[in-house]
Amino acid sequence: MQGLCICPLACLNLFLYMQDRYSYVFVRRCGVDRVPVDILGLSTNPASGGAYALILKEVNGNRRLPIIIGAAEAQSIALEMEGIKPPRPLTHDLMKNIITAFGGDLSEITIDELRDGTFYAKLSIDSQVIDSRPSDAIALAVRYGAQIYVASSVMDEAAFVPEEEEDDQVPYDKQQKEKTKQQPASKMSKLEVLHQQLKEAIEKENYEKAASIRDEIRKLEMKD
């Protein structure tokens, strides 16, 4: 690797890979019981200053774990889950490209700690365990189709069980597909227009407008 210039964005130490069995190394280093989770949805609150709440749901249970993330990370996660590809790679697309260029692969991520109200996560790239913010880790996980885990201790401390079970138990991506199938013709027409506008905004790299259109789409879908 001598003489190779690494961009600051590649600070994930992507070149430190070792060809070893990841599962053993990761469990040994983390030493935690983990719960598999799916992404349930994203929501925003005008009073939150542009922040979003990312809701995770345990696969084999009803607990929800809300994590507050920034607008840029929420946009990155939503665009990937909705299958919208920007004309140029966003930060997390670039990170994936860097990982791939070095021959690496993200197999899973774990949100393993909650300290002073802040969540911490780990990326599993081959045999390496790399620190990350949960928002960045999840944005990469959706790009790889990697499983998301949460430490049992974190779930016990921060998760909640909703009083009423609703159809939002369905993972976010499946929920969107089911809602689209059930739309009346008039609403489908409006949704199609909004989706087209969203696509155009992404192509023009007007991400602020795209975020606004995405929120409008979500509000329309929630009226059903």
C-alpha atoms as a PDB file:
ATOM      1  CA  MET A   1       0.000   0.000   0.000  1.00  0.00           C
ATOM      2  CA  GLN A   2       3.039   2.290  -0.010  1.00  0.00           C
ATOM      3  CA  GLY A   3       2.583   5.482  -2.019  1.00  0.00           C
ATOM      4  CA  LEU A   4      -1.219   5.183  -2.111  1.00  0.00           C
ATOM      5  CA  CYS A   5      -3.042   8.439  -1.309  1.00  0.00           C
ATOM      6  CA  ILE A   6      -6.215   7.886   0.679  1.00  0.00           C
ATOM      7  CA  CYS A   7      -9.040  10.451   0.570  1.00  0.00           C
ATOM      8  CA  PRO A   8     -10.191  11.659   4.035  1.00  0.00           C
ATOM      9  CA  LEU A   9     -13.587  10.198   3.239  1.00  0.00           C
ATOM     10  CA  ALA A  10     -11.944   6.778   3.248  1.00  0.00           C
ATOM     11  CA  CYS A  11     -11.235   7.060   6.971  1.00  0.00           C
ATOM     12  CA  LEU A  12     -13.004   3.774   7.556  1.00  0.00           C
ATOM     13  CA  ASN A  13      -9.600   2.077   7.304  1.00  0.00           C
ATOM     14  CA  LEU A  14     -10.918   0.099   4.378  1.00  0.00           C
ATOM     15  CA  PHE A  15      -7.496  -1.218   3.469  1.00  0.00           C
ATOM     16  CA  LEU A  16      -7.000  -2.989   6.817  1.00  0.00           C
ATOM     17  CA  TYR A  17      -8.878  -6.084   5.808  1.00  0.00           C
ATOM     18  CA  MET A  18      -7.886  -9.552   6.961  1.00  0.00           C
ATOM     19  CA  GLN A  19      -9.146 -12.742   5.369  1.00  0.00           C
ATOM     20  CA  ASP A  20     -10.603 -14.425   8.452  1.00  0.00           C
ATOM     21  CA  ARG A  21     -13.999 -15.609   9.569  1.00  0.00           C
ATOM     22  CA  TYR A  22     -15.926 -12.501  10.526  1.00  0.00           C
ATOM     23  CA  SER A  23     -18.614 -13.969  12.714  1.00  0.00           C
ATOM     24  CA  TYR A  24     -16.165 -15.311  15.310  1.00  0.00           C
ATOM     25  CA  VAL A  25     -14.125 -12.112  15.432  1.00  0.00           C
ATOM     26  CA  PHE A  26     -17.146  -9.843  15.686  1.00  0.00           C
ATOM     27  CA  VAL A  27     -18.839 -11.770  18.466  1.00  0.00           C
ATOM     28  CA  ARG A  28     -15.572 -11.989  20.386  1.00  0.00           C
ATOM     29  CA  ARG A  29     -14.890  -8.263  20.103  1.00  0.00           C
ATOM     30  CA  CYS A  30     -18.410  -7.071  20.812  1.00  0.00           C
ATOM     31  CA  GLY A  31     -19.312  -9.674  23.391  1.00  0.00           C
ATOM     32  CA  VAL A  32     -23.008  -8.740  23.286  1.00  0.00           C
ATOM     33  CA  ASP A  33     -26.326 -10.448  22.667  1.00  0.00           C
ATOM     34  CA  ARG A  34     -27.992  -8.978  19.627  1.00  0.00           C
ATOM     35  CA  VAL A  35     -31.517  -8.596  18.264  1.00  0.00           C
ATOM     36  CA  PRO A  36     -32.163  -8.497  14.496  1.00  0.00           C
ATOM     37  CA  VAL A  37     -34.284  -5.511  13.443  1.00  0.00           C
ATOM     38  CA  ASP A  38     -35.917  -4.103  10.316  1.00  0.00           C
ATOM     39  CA  ILE A  39     -36.455  -0.483   9.327  1.00  0.00           C
ATOM     40  CA  LEU A  40     -40.064   0.344  10.124  1.00  0.00           C
ATOM     41  CA  GLY A  41     -40.124   3.926   8.887  1.00  0.00           C
ATOM     42  CA  LEU A  42     -38.889   7.491   8.978  1.00  0.00           C
ATOM     43  CA  SER A  43     -40.783  10.437  10.424  1.00  0.00           C
ATOM     44  CA  THR A  44     -40.083  14.105  10.939  1.00  0.00           C
ATOM     45  CA  ASN A  45     -41.288  16.748  13.365  1.00  0.00           C
ATOM     46  CA  PRO A  46     -41.257  20.475  12.507  1.00  0.00           C
ATOM     47  CA  ALA A  47     -40.127  21.170  16.057  1.00  0.00           C
ATOM     48  CA  SER A  48     -37.110  18.906  15.707  1.00  0.00           C
ATOM     49  CA  GLY A  49     -35.085  21.356  13.653  1.00  0.00           C
ATOM     50  CA  GLY A  50     -35.014  19.175  10.561  1.00  0.00           C
ATOM     51  CA  ALA A  51     -34.047  15.961  12.351  1.00  0.00           C
ATOM     52  CA  TYR A  52     -35.774  12.678  11.592  1.00  0.00           C
ATOM     53  CA  ALA A  53     -36.760   9.732  13.742  1.00  0.00           C
ATOM     54  CA  LEU A  54     -35.687   6.397  12.288  1.00  0.00           C
ATOM     55  CA  ILE A  55     -37.833   3.619  13.738  1.00  0.00           C
ATOM     56  CA  LEU A  56     -36.404   0.114  13.975  1.00  0.00           C
ATOM     57  CA  LYS A  57     -38.540  -2.928  14.842  1.00  0.00           C
ATOM     58  CA  GLU A  58     -37.247  -6.219  16.167  1.00  0.00           C
ATOM     59  CA  VAL A  59     -37.804  -9.051  13.714  1.00  0.00           C
ATOM     60  CA  ASN A  60     -39.211 -11.535  16.229  1.00  0.00           C
ATOM     61  CA  GLY A  61     -41.065  -9.144  18.515  1.00  0.00           C
ATOM     62  CA  ASN A  62     -43.031  -5.918  18.813  1.00  0.00           C
ATOM     63  CA  ARG A  63     -40.487  -3.547  20.323  1.00  0.00           C
ATOM     64  CA  ARG A  64     -39.598  -0.361  18.477  1.00  0.00           C
ATOM     65  CA  LEU A  65     -36.365   1.551  18.757  1.00  0.00           C
ATOM     66  CA  PRO A  66     -36.430   5.234  17.683  1.00  0.00           C
ATOM     67  CA  ILE A  67     -33.132   6.858  16.716  1.00  0.00           C
ATOM     68  CA  ILE A  68     -32.844  10.546  15.867  1.00  0.00           C
ATOM     69  CA  ILE A  69     -30.795  11.141  12.736  1.00  0.00           C
ATOM     70  CA  GLY A  70     -29.968  14.110  10.515  1.00  0.00           C
ATOM     71  CA  ALA A  71     -31.901  15.114   7.413  1.00  0.00           C
ATOM     72  CA  ALA A  72     -29.046  14.217   5.051  1.00  0.00           C
ATOM     73  CA  GLU A  73     -28.726  10.694   6.460  1.00  0.00           C
ATOM     74  CA  ALA A  74     -32.520  10.236   6.447  1.00  0.00           C
ATOM     75  CA  GLN A  75     -32.598  11.321   2.805  1.00  0.00           C
ATOM     76  CA  SER A  76     -29.790   8.921   1.936  1.00  0.00           C
ATOM     77  CA  ILE A  77     -31.608   6.000   3.575  1.00  0.00           C
ATOM     78  CA  ALA A  78     -34.990   6.876   2.042  1.00  0.00           C
ATOM     79  CA  LEU A  79     -33.656   7.339  -1.486  1.00  0.00           C
ATOM     80  CA  GLU A  80     -31.951   3.957  -1.432  1.00  0.00           C
ATOM     81  CA  MET A  81     -34.991   2.179  -0.008  1.00  0.00           C
ATOM     82  CA  GLU A  82     -37.233   3.790  -2.603  1.00  0.00           C
ATOM     83  CA  GLY A  83     -34.866   2.719  -5.381  1.00  0.00           C
ATOM     84  CA  ILE A  84     -34.028   6.260  -6.491  1.00  0.00           C
ATOM     85  CA  LYS A  85     -30.507   6.605  -7.853  1.00  0.00           C
ATOM     86  CA  PRO A  86     -29.012  10.124  -8.036  1.00  0.00           C
ATOM     87  CA  PRO A  87     -26.995  10.994 -11.147  1.00  0.00           C
ATOM     88  CA  ARG A  88     -23.845  11.295  -9.026  1.00  0.00           C
ATOM     89  CA  PRO A  89     -23.017   9.168  -5.968  1.00  0.00           C
ATOM     90  CA  LEU A  90     -24.031  10.528  -2.591  1.00  0.00           C
ATOM     91  CA  THR A  91     -21.643  10.190   0.339  1.00  0.00           C
ATOM     92  CA  HIS A  92     -22.850   6.708   1.306  1.00  0.00           C
ATOM     93  CA  ASP A  93     -22.779   5.562  -2.314  1.00  0.00           C
ATOM     94  CA  LEU A  94     -19.175   6.740  -2.469  1.00  0.00           C
ATOM     95  CA  MET A  95     -18.362   4.917   0.768  1.00  0.00           C
ATOM     96  CA  LYS A  96     -19.782   1.713  -0.677  1.00  0.00           C
ATOM     97  CA  ASN A  97     -17.780   2.208  -3.862  1.00  0.00           C
ATOM     98  CA  ILE A  98     -14.593   2.657  -1.808  1.00  0.00           C
ATOM     99  CA  ILE A  99     -15.291  -0.484   0.222  1.00  0.00           C
ATOM    100  CA  THR A 100     -15.907  -2.452  -2.967  1.00  0.00           C
ATOM    101  CA  ALA A 101     -12.805  -1.015  -4.648  1.00  0.00           C
ATOM    102  CA  PHE A 102     -10.685  -2.399  -1.799  1.00  0.00           C
ATOM    103  CA  GLY A 103     -12.302  -5.807  -2.122  1.00  0.00           C
ATOM    104  CA  GLY A 104     -14.379  -5.475   1.025  1.00  0.00           C
ATOM    105  CA  ASP A 105     -17.976  -6.374   1.816  1.00  0.00           C
ATOM    106  CA  LEU A 106     -20.318  -5.166   4.557  1.00  0.00           C
ATOM    107  CA  SER A 107     -22.019  -8.210   6.035  1.00  0.00           C
ATOM    108  CA  GLU A 108     -23.923  -6.636   8.950  1.00  0.00           C
ATOM    109  CA  ILE A 109     -24.052  -3.725  11.354  1.00  0.00           C
ATOM    110  CA  THR A 110     -24.755  -3.580  15.072  1.00  0.00           C
ATOM    111  CA  ILE A 111     -26.007  -0.715  17.196  1.00  0.00           C
ATOM    112  CA  ASP A 112     -24.149  -1.861  20.255  1.00  0.00           C
ATOM    113  CA  GLU A 113     -24.168   0.961  22.785  1.00  0.00           C
ATOM    114  CA  LEU A 114     -26.251   3.805  24.203  1.00  0.00           C
ATOM    115  CA  ARG A 115     -24.161   6.236  26.210  1.00  0.00           C
ATOM    116  CA  ASP A 116     -25.343   9.610  27.549  1.00  0.00           C
ATOM    117  CA  GLY A 117     -28.299   9.543  25.178  1.00  0.00           C
ATOM    118  CA  THR A 118     -26.128   8.835  22.121  1.00  0.00           C
ATOM    119  CA  PHE A 119     -26.228   5.624  20.104  1.00  0.00           C
ATOM    120  CA  TYR A 120     -23.046   3.971  18.826  1.00  0.00           C
ATOM    121  CA  ALA A 121     -22.704   1.395  16.065  1.00  0.00           C
ATOM    122  CA  LYS A 122     -20.228  -1.017  14.521  1.00  0.00           C
ATOM    123  CA  LEU A 123     -19.676  -1.913  10.880  1.00  0.00           C
ATOM    124  CA  SER A 124     -18.642  -5.441   9.990  1.00  0.00           C
ATOM    125  CA  ILE A 125     -16.427  -5.249   6.925  1.00  0.00           C
ATOM    126  CA  ASP A 126     -14.849  -8.653   6.342  1.00  0.00           C
ATOM    127  CA  SER A 127     -12.943  -9.387   9.558  1.00  0.00           C
ATOM    128  CA  GLN A 128     -12.789  -5.745  10.652  1.00  0.00           C
ATOM    129  CA  VAL A 129     -15.075  -4.068  13.177  1.00  0.00           C
ATOM    130  CA  ILE A 130     -15.256  -0.325  12.576  1.00  0.00           C
ATOM    131  CA  ASP A 131     -16.911   2.368  14.689  1.00  0.00           C
ATOM    132  CA  SER A 132     -19.722   4.321  13.068  1.00  0.00           C
ATOM    133  CA  ARG A 133     -22.705   6.521  13.723  1.00  0.00           C
ATOM    134  CA  PRO A 134     -25.914   4.447  13.491  1.00  0.00           C
ATOM    135  CA  SER A 135     -27.267   6.684  10.724  1.00  0.00           C
ATOM    136  CA  ASP A 136     -24.199   6.114   8.519  1.00  0.00           C
ATOM    137  CA  ALA A 137     -24.134   2.413   9.350  1.00  0.00           C
ATOM    138  CA  ILE A 138     -27.790   1.969   8.392  1.00  0.00           C
ATOM    139  CA  ALA A 139     -27.365   4.010   5.199  1.00  0.00           C
ATOM    140  CA  LEU A 140     -24.625   1.566   4.192  1.00  0.00           C
ATOM    141  CA  ALA A 141     -26.597  -1.462   5.367  1.00  0.00           C
ATOM    142  CA  VAL A 142     -29.543  -0.691   3.075  1.00  0.00           C
ATOM    143  CA  ARG A 143     -27.142  -0.373   0.143  1.00  0.00           C
ATOM    144  CA  TYR A 144     -25.659  -3.792   0.840  1.00  0.00           C
ATOM    145  CA  GLY A 145     -28.857  -5.478   1.973  1.00  0.00           C
ATOM    146  CA  ALA A 146     -26.985  -6.232   5.203  1.00  0.00           C
ATOM    147  CA  GLN A 147     -28.747  -7.304   8.384  1.00  0.00           C
ATOM    148  CA  ILE A 148     -29.136  -4.693  11.115  1.00  0.00           C
ATOM    149  CA  TYR A 149     -28.710  -5.773  14.729  1.00  0.00           C
ATOM    150  CA  VAL A 150     -29.227  -3.980  18.029  1.00  0.00           C
ATOM    151  CA  ALA A 151     -27.595  -5.075  21.267  1.00  0.00           C
ATOM    152  CA  SER A 152     -30.135  -6.591  23.652  1.00  0.00           C
ATOM    153  CA  SER A 153     -29.030  -4.184  26.382  1.00  0.00           C
ATOM    154  CA  VAL A 154     -29.776  -1.213  24.099  1.00  0.00           C
ATOM    155  CA  MET A 155     -33.202  -2.593  23.217  1.00  0.00           C
ATOM    156  CA  ASP A 156     -33.976  -3.168  26.885  1.00  0.00           C
ATOM    157  CA  GLU A 157     -32.998   0.406  27.724  1.00  0.00           C
ATOM    158  CA  ALA A 158     -34.394   2.442  24.839  1.00  0.00           C
ATOM    159  CA  ALA A 159     -37.025   0.421  22.963  1.00  0.00           C
ATOM    160  CA  PHE A 160     -40.762   0.588  23.586  1.00  0.00           C
ATOM    161  CA  VAL A 161     -43.829  -1.514  22.794  1.00  0.00           C
ATOM    162  CA  PRO A 162     -46.693   0.447  21.175  1.00  0.00           C
ATOM    163  CA  GLU A 163     -50.032   0.336  22.936  1.00  0.00           C
ATOM    164  CA  GLU A 164     -51.892  -0.455  19.732  1.00  0.00           C
ATOM    165  CA  GLU A 165     -50.585  -2.717  17.002  1.00  0.00           C
ATOM    166  CA  GLU A 166     -51.050  -1.159  13.574  1.00  0.00           C
ATOM    167  CA  ASP A 167     -50.104  -2.016  10.032  1.00  0.00           C
ATOM    168  CA  ASP A 168     -46.853  -0.130  10.524  1.00  0.00           C
ATOM    169  CA  GLN A 169     -45.436  -3.375  11.869  1.00  0.00           C
ATOM    170  CA  VAL A 170     -44.663  -4.203   8.247  1.00  0.00           C
ATOM    171  CA  PRO A 171     -41.063  -3.254   7.382  1.00  0.00           C
ATOM    172  CA  TYR A 172     -40.785   0.096   5.621  1.00  0.00           C
ATOM    173  CA  ASP A 173     -39.995  -1.168   2.125  1.00  0.00           C
ATOM    174  CA  LYS A 174     -42.793  -3.756   2.154  1.00  0.00           C
ATOM    175  CA  GLN A 175     -45.199  -1.218   3.650  1.00  0.00           C
ATOM    176  CA  GLN A 176     -44.614   1.185   0.750  1.00  0.00           C
ATOM    177  CA  LYS A 177     -45.243  -1.535  -1.838  1.00  0.00           C
ATOM    178  CA  GLU A 178     -48.486  -2.636  -0.164  1.00  0.00           C
ATOM    179  CA  LYS A 179     -49.760   0.939   0.118  1.00  0.00           C
ATOM    180  CA  THR A 180     -49.053   1.576  -3.543  1.00  0.00           C
ATOM    181  CA  LYS A 181     -51.062  -1.499  -4.534  1.00  0.00           C
ATOM    182  CA  GLN A 182     -54.044  -0.330  -2.463  1.00  0.00           C
ATOM    183  CA  GLN A 183     -54.195   3.270  -3.750  1.00  0.00           C
ATOM    184  CA  PRO A 184     -57.444   4.364  -5.464  1.00  0.00           C
ATOM    185  CA  ALA A 185     -57.058   5.529  -9.049  1.00  0.00           C
ATOM    186  CA  SER A 186     -57.276   9.255  -8.167  1.00  0.00           C
ATOM    187  CA  LYS A 187     -54.637   9.015  -5.469  1.00  0.00           C
ATOM    188  CA  MET A 188     -52.457   6.835  -7.642  1.00  0.00           C
ATOM    189  CA  SER A 189     -52.503   9.594 -10.241  1.00  0.00           C
ATOM    190  CA  LYS A 190     -51.390  12.197  -7.736  1.00  0.00           C
ATOM    191  CA  LEU A 191     -48.778   9.849  -6.306  1.00  0.00           C
ATOM    192  CA  GLU A 192     -47.429   9.147  -9.763  1.00  0.00           C
ATOM    193  CA  VAL A 193     -47.070  12.871 -10.397  1.00  0.00           C
ATOM    194  CA  LEU A 194     -45.263  13.346  -7.088  1.00  0.00           C
ATOM    195  CA  HIS A 195     -42.975  10.402  -7.750  1.00  0.00           C
ATOM    196  CA  GLN A 196     -42.139  11.844 -11.164  1.00  0.00           C
ATOM    197  CA  GLN A 197     -41.395  15.227  -9.576  1.00  0.00           C
ATOM    198  CA  LEU A 198     -39.226  13.476  -6.999  1.00  0.00           C
ATOM    199  CA  LYS A 199     -37.290  11.714  -9.742  1.00  0.00           C
ATOM    200  CA  GLU A 200     -36.750  14.994 -11.607  1.00  0.00           C
ATOM    201  CA  ALA A 201     -35.586  16.752  -8.445  1.00  0.00           C
ATOM    202  CA  ILE A 202     -33.071  13.972  -7.808  1.00  0.00           C
ATOM    203  CA  GLU A 203     -31.787  14.121 -11.380  1.00  0.00           C
ATOM    204  CA  LYS A 204     -31.262  17.881 -10.988  1.00  0.00           C
ATOM    205  CA  GLU A 205     -29.585  17.234  -7.614  1.00  0.00           C
ATOM    206  CA  ASN A 206     -32.119  19.515  -5.888  1.00  0.00           C
ATOM    207  CA  TYR A 207     -32.150  17.384  -2.762  1.00  0.00           C
ATOM    208  CA  GLU A 208     -33.931  19.966  -0.616  1.00  0.00           C
ATOM    209  CA  LYS A 209     -36.886  19.924  -3.017  1.00  0.00           C
ATOM    210  CA  ALA A 210     -36.680  16.129  -3.209  1.00  0.00           C
ATOM    211  CA  ALA A 211     -36.953  15.862   0.568  1.00  0.00           C
ATOM    212  CA  SER A 212     -40.010  18.127   0.538  1.00  0.00           C
ATOM    213  CA  ILE A 213     -41.685  16.070  -2.205  1.00  0.00           C
ATOM    214  CA  ARG A 214     -40.876  12.841  -0.376  1.00  0.00           C
ATOM    215  CA  ASP A 215     -42.578  14.187   2.764  1.00  0.00           C
ATOM    216  CA  GLU A 216     -45.644  15.131   0.705  1.00  0.00           C
ATOM    217  CA  ILE A 217     -45.786  11.635  -0.748  1.00  0.00           C
ATOM    218  CA  ARG A 218     -45.588  10.127   2.717  1.00  0.00           C
ATOM    219  CA  LYS A 219     -48.394  12.376   4.033  1.00  0.00           C
ATOM    220  CA  LEU A 220     -50.649  11.361   1.160  1.00  0.00           C
ATOM    221  CA  GLU A 221     -49.961   7.677   1.763  1.00  0.00           C
ATOM    222  CA  MET A 222     -50.663   8.012   5.497  1.00  0.00           C
ATOM    223  CA  LYS A 223     -54.187   9.305   4.831  1.00  0.00           C
ATOM    224  CA  ASP A 224     -55.368   5.832   3.850  1.00  0.00           C
END
